[in-house]
Each structure stands twice: as C-alpha cells, then as structure tokens.
Amino acid sequence: MFCLHYLELELCETIYSYVFTDLLIGFLVEYAYLVKYSLQRSEHQGSVCVHTMELADRAIGFVLASISVIIFTYYTFWVIILPFVDKEHFVHNYFLPQEYAILLPVYAGVSLICFLSVFIGYVMLKSKKKKA
C-alpha cells in the first residue's frame, strides 16, 4: 500500500510540475510578446512594420501554444488514462513505456537547469568584463 501511495504522489508531483512549467512558458511568451509589441508600437507608430511583426508574433505564439496543448494532452493521456487500458490494446503502440513518463520530465528539468546555469554564468562573466 505504501508503494502505491508513493507512486501516486510522484505522479501528482510530475503532473503539477509539468502544468506549472507549461503555464510559466506561456506566461513568458505572452510577456515577451507584450514587451516587444509595446516597443515596436512606440518606435513605429502606425507603420506597416508593426502590423507585419504583430502577425508574425501571433503566428509564432499560436504555433507554440498549439504544440504546448498537444504535448500536454499526449502526456496527460499517457500518464493518467493509459494505465487503465489493457496492455494488449492497440493504443499502447503509440506511447513509450511508463518508465519514461518520469524520466523524460526529470531529464528535461535537469537540462533546463543546466542551460539556465550556463546562460547566467555567461551573462555574469560578460558583464564582469564590461566593468573591468
């Protein structure tokens, strides 16, 4: 019984972290869009450049949001619904084994933390060189 409770807790934490990450990425994309749009609006008031960039930004935002929804739906179905489907059912052919449901988010999180650490270190070294 303890093992089952522990796995449920791990599953909930993984799902919550995935949802939080998805919402955070969506928020950052929207914030970057608003900042970029307001800067362009102030520099090119009423010009064609604003409308072209606005359409391009909206298209990129739509693609990113669509990909995010597809990944979230796939992962949710894989982690929550698939364990209740028979192992012989054909739908299992479209999904990776259950072990990867935990490993993929962990590896993605570790690589994200590594990337952010390297980026922050690079920016700090670059700003240190400017001061010297």
C-alpha atoms as a PDB file:
ATOM      1  CA  MET A   1       0.000   0.000   0.000  1.00  0.00           C
ATOM      2  CA  PHE A   2       2.872   2.380   0.811  1.00  0.00           C
ATOM      3  CA  CYS A   3       4.407   1.814  -2.628  1.00  0.00           C
ATOM      4  CA  LEU A   4       1.138   2.635  -4.380  1.00  0.00           C
ATOM      5  CA  HIS A   5       0.718   5.839  -2.368  1.00  0.00           C
ATOM      6  CA  TYR A   6       4.304   6.839  -3.145  1.00  0.00           C
ATOM      7  CA  LEU A   7       3.770   6.303  -6.892  1.00  0.00           C
ATOM      8  CA  GLU A   8       0.564   8.343  -6.812  1.00  0.00           C
ATOM      9  CA  LEU A   9       2.422  11.139  -5.031  1.00  0.00           C
ATOM     10  CA  GLU A  10       5.236  11.017  -7.616  1.00  0.00           C
ATOM     11  CA  LEU A  11       2.679  11.083 -10.424  1.00  0.00           C
ATOM     12  CA  CYS A  12       0.876  14.086  -8.961  1.00  0.00           C
ATOM     13  CA  GLU A  13       4.142  15.971  -8.465  1.00  0.00           C
ATOM     14  CA  THR A  14       5.171  15.254 -12.045  1.00  0.00           C
ATOM     15  CA  ILE A  15       1.837  16.401 -13.435  1.00  0.00           C
ATOM     16  CA  TYR A  16       1.820  19.546 -11.297  1.00  0.00           C
ATOM     17  CA  SER A  17       5.396  20.395 -12.303  1.00  0.00           C
ATOM     18  CA  TYR A  18       4.529  19.863 -15.974  1.00  0.00           C
ATOM     19  CA  VAL A  19       1.433  22.056 -15.742  1.00  0.00           C
ATOM     20  CA  PHE A  20       3.394  24.741 -13.866  1.00  0.00           C
ATOM     21  CA  THR A  21       6.166  24.644 -16.475  1.00  0.00           C
ATOM     22  CA  ASP A  22       3.628  24.864 -19.288  1.00  0.00           C
ATOM     23  CA  LEU A  23       1.909  27.845 -17.672  1.00  0.00           C
ATOM     24  CA  LEU A  24       5.245  29.534 -16.974  1.00  0.00           C
ATOM     25  CA  ILE A  25       6.364  29.155 -20.592  1.00  0.00           C
ATOM     26  CA  GLY A  26       3.026  30.509 -21.783  1.00  0.00           C
ATOM     27  CA  PHE A  27       3.328  33.482 -19.448  1.00  0.00           C
ATOM     28  CA  LEU A  28       6.883  34.230 -20.590  1.00  0.00           C
ATOM     29  CA  VAL A  29       5.904  34.042 -24.261  1.00  0.00           C
ATOM     30  CA  GLU A  30       2.980  36.399 -23.675  1.00  0.00           C
ATOM     31  CA  TYR A  31       5.165  38.793 -21.645  1.00  0.00           C
ATOM     32  CA  ALA A  32       7.844  38.833 -24.357  1.00  0.00           C
ATOM     33  CA  TYR A  33       5.162  39.480 -26.962  1.00  0.00           C
ATOM     34  CA  LEU A  34       3.704  42.380 -24.975  1.00  0.00           C
ATOM     35  CA  VAL A  35       7.104  43.965 -24.363  1.00  0.00           C
ATOM     36  CA  LYS A  36       8.122  43.591 -27.993  1.00  0.00           C
ATOM     37  CA  TYR A  37       4.770  44.882 -29.227  1.00  0.00           C
ATOM     38  CA  SER A  38       4.836  47.936 -26.958  1.00  0.00           C
ATOM     39  CA  LEU A  39       8.407  48.793 -28.019  1.00  0.00           C
ATOM     40  CA  GLN A  40       7.563  48.451 -31.691  1.00  0.00           C
ATOM     41  CA  ARG A  41       4.380  50.457 -31.225  1.00  0.00           C
ATOM     42  CA  SER A  42       6.294  53.336 -29.662  1.00  0.00           C
ATOM     43  CA  GLU A  43       9.050  53.274 -32.330  1.00  0.00           C
ATOM     44  CA  HIS A  44       6.883  52.745 -35.425  1.00  0.00           C
ATOM     45  CA  GLN A  45       3.601  54.366 -34.577  1.00  0.00           C
ATOM     46  CA  GLY A  46       1.100  53.459 -37.285  1.00  0.00           C
ATOM     47  CA  SER A  47       3.625  51.955 -39.708  1.00  0.00           C
ATOM     48  CA  VAL A  48       3.363  48.731 -41.662  1.00  0.00           C
ATOM     49  CA  CYS A  49       6.214  47.200 -39.633  1.00  0.00           C
ATOM     50  CA  VAL A  50       4.028  46.924 -36.536  1.00  0.00           C
ATOM     51  CA  HIS A  51       1.289  45.033 -38.325  1.00  0.00           C
ATOM     52  CA  THR A  52       3.701  42.647 -40.047  1.00  0.00           C
ATOM     53  CA  MET A  53       5.522  41.862 -36.828  1.00  0.00           C
ATOM     54  CA  GLU A  54       2.254  41.581 -34.960  1.00  0.00           C
ATOM     55  CA  LEU A  55       1.014  38.929 -37.405  1.00  0.00           C
ATOM     56  CA  ALA A  56       4.314  37.066 -37.258  1.00  0.00           C
ATOM     57  CA  ASP A  57       4.324  37.151 -33.466  1.00  0.00           C
ATOM     58  CA  ARG A  58       0.736  35.945 -33.333  1.00  0.00           C
ATOM     59  CA  ALA A  59       1.535  33.094 -35.715  1.00  0.00           C
ATOM     60  CA  ILE A  60       4.549  32.044 -33.649  1.00  0.00           C
ATOM     61  CA  GLY A  61       2.508  32.330 -30.463  1.00  0.00           C
ATOM     62  CA  PHE A  62      -0.273  30.237 -31.967  1.00  0.00           C
ATOM     63  CA  VAL A  63       2.187  27.540 -33.054  1.00  0.00           C
ATOM     64  CA  LEU A  64       3.856  27.481 -29.629  1.00  0.00           C
ATOM     65  CA  ALA A  65       0.508  27.329 -27.844  1.00  0.00           C
ATOM     66  CA  SER A  66      -0.706  24.550 -30.145  1.00  0.00           C
ATOM     67  CA  ILE A  67       2.436  22.496 -29.579  1.00  0.00           C
ATOM     68  CA  SER A  68       2.108  23.037 -25.851  1.00  0.00           C
ATOM     69  CA  VAL A  69      -1.516  21.860 -25.828  1.00  0.00           C
ATOM     70  CA  ILE A  70      -0.659  18.803 -27.931  1.00  0.00           C
ATOM     71  CA  ILE A  71       2.211  17.823 -25.630  1.00  0.00           C
ATOM     72  CA  PHE A  72       0.091  18.395 -22.532  1.00  0.00           C
ATOM     73  CA  THR A  73      -2.765  16.280 -23.938  1.00  0.00           C
ATOM     74  CA  TYR A  74      -0.417  13.481 -25.013  1.00  0.00           C
ATOM     75  CA  TYR A  75       1.363  13.425 -21.649  1.00  0.00           C
ATOM     76  CA  THR A  76      -1.888  13.560 -19.665  1.00  0.00           C
ATOM     77  CA  PHE A  77      -3.384  10.697 -21.651  1.00  0.00           C
ATOM     78  CA  TRP A  78      -0.139   8.736 -21.346  1.00  0.00           C
ATOM     79  CA  VAL A  79       0.220   9.157 -17.589  1.00  0.00           C
ATOM     80  CA  ILE A  80      -3.382   9.256 -16.330  1.00  0.00           C
ATOM     81  CA  ILE A  81      -5.559   7.269 -18.727  1.00  0.00           C
ATOM     82  CA  LEU A  82      -3.212   4.719 -20.315  1.00  0.00           C
ATOM     83  CA  PRO A  83      -2.504   2.729 -17.106  1.00  0.00           C
ATOM     84  CA  PHE A  84      -6.194   1.783 -17.009  1.00  0.00           C
ATOM     85  CA  VAL A  85      -6.221   0.453 -20.601  1.00  0.00           C
ATOM     86  CA  ASP A  86      -5.435  -3.224 -21.249  1.00  0.00           C
ATOM     87  CA  LYS A  87      -1.831  -3.939 -22.215  1.00  0.00           C
ATOM     88  CA  GLU A  88      -2.929  -5.712 -25.401  1.00  0.00           C
ATOM     89  CA  HIS A  89      -4.893  -2.721 -26.697  1.00  0.00           C
ATOM     90  CA  PHE A  90      -3.513  -1.158 -29.886  1.00  0.00           C
ATOM     91  CA  VAL A  91      -3.318   2.317 -28.306  1.00  0.00           C
ATOM     92  CA  HIS A  92      -0.210   1.238 -26.361  1.00  0.00           C
ATOM     93  CA  ASN A  93       1.686   1.173 -29.665  1.00  0.00           C
ATOM     94  CA  TYR A  94       1.550   4.989 -29.802  1.00  0.00           C
ATOM     95  CA  PHE A  95       3.141   5.601 -26.403  1.00  0.00           C
ATOM     96  CA  LEU A  96       6.513   4.981 -24.811  1.00  0.00           C
ATOM     97  CA  PRO A  97       6.813   2.655 -21.798  1.00  0.00           C
ATOM     98  CA  GLN A  98       5.572   4.052 -18.466  1.00  0.00           C
ATOM     99  CA  GLU A  99       9.130   4.406 -17.087  1.00  0.00           C
ATOM    100  CA  TYR A 100       9.739   7.264 -19.474  1.00  0.00           C
ATOM    101  CA  ALA A 101       6.803   9.196 -18.038  1.00  0.00           C
ATOM    102  CA  ILE A 102       9.007  10.054 -15.064  1.00  0.00           C
ATOM    103  CA  LEU A 103      12.412  10.010 -16.762  1.00  0.00           C
ATOM    104  CA  LEU A 104      11.628  12.444 -19.577  1.00  0.00           C
ATOM    105  CA  PRO A 105      10.415  15.315 -17.340  1.00  0.00           C
ATOM    106  CA  VAL A 106      13.339  14.730 -14.967  1.00  0.00           C
ATOM    107  CA  TYR A 107      15.869  14.880 -17.805  1.00  0.00           C
ATOM    108  CA  ALA A 108      14.123  17.901 -19.287  1.00  0.00           C
ATOM    109  CA  GLY A 109      14.215  19.673 -15.912  1.00  0.00           C
ATOM    110  CA  VAL A 110      17.873  18.858 -15.312  1.00  0.00           C
ATOM    111  CA  SER A 111      18.859  20.022 -18.798  1.00  0.00           C
ATOM    112  CA  LEU A 112      16.807  23.213 -18.337  1.00  0.00           C
ATOM    113  CA  ILE A 113      18.560  23.950 -15.039  1.00  0.00           C
ATOM    114  CA  CYS A 114      21.962  23.253 -16.647  1.00  0.00           C
ATOM    115  CA  PHE A 115      21.171  25.517 -19.592  1.00  0.00           C
ATOM    116  CA  LEU A 116      19.974  28.322 -17.317  1.00  0.00           C
ATOM    117  CA  SER A 117      23.057  27.982 -15.109  1.00  0.00           C
ATOM    118  CA  VAL A 118      25.399  28.183 -18.090  1.00  0.00           C
ATOM    119  CA  PHE A 119      23.470  31.144 -19.512  1.00  0.00           C
ATOM    120  CA  ILE A 120      23.505  33.041 -16.203  1.00  0.00           C
ATOM    121  CA  GLY A 121      27.223  32.304 -15.777  1.00  0.00           C
ATOM    122  CA  TYR A 122      27.907  33.549 -19.301  1.00  0.00           C
ATOM    123  CA  VAL A 123      25.960  36.763 -18.708  1.00  0.00           C
ATOM    124  CA  MET A 124      27.732  37.345 -15.381  1.00  0.00           C
ATOM    125  CA  LEU A 125      31.164  36.856 -16.968  1.00  0.00           C
ATOM    126  CA  LYS A 126      30.257  39.106 -19.856  1.00  0.00           C
ATOM    127  CA  SER A 127      29.043  41.875 -17.544  1.00  0.00           C
ATOM    128  CA  LYS A 128      32.177  41.465 -15.401  1.00  0.00           C
ATOM    129  CA  LYS A 129      34.369  42.034 -18.468  1.00  0.00           C
ATOM    130  CA  LYS A 130      32.462  45.205 -19.333  1.00  0.00           C
ATOM    131  CA  LYS A 131      33.081  46.656 -15.853  1.00  0.00           C
ATOM    132  CA  ALA A 132      36.823  45.912 -15.995  1.00  0.00           C
END
